C-alpha cells in the first residue's frame, strides 16, 4: 500500500515542472490509483512517452506497491482546452 501523497510527491520530485497532479485512490486499498498529470515537459512526446515519464518517476512503486495506475497526461495547452 502507498499513500496517495507519496505518489504525488514522487511525481513532483522527478518532474519539477509539473503544473497539476491529481491522485485518486480508486478502491480505497491504496494500490489502485487514477492520476492526472499536466506538464510542459510532455510537449512533443507521444502519449506513450508521457506515460513512460510518469512511470519512471514512480520507479519501484510500480513494481508492486502500486498495483494499477489509470493515467491521464496533458500538456498545459491540452489541459486548458479540455477544461475550457
Foldseek 3Di string as FASTA:
>chain_A
DDDQVVLVVLQCVLAVQKDDWDWDDPPPPQQAIEIEIEGQVCVPPDPVVVVVSSCVSVPCCPVPVRPYYHYHYYYPVRVVVVVD
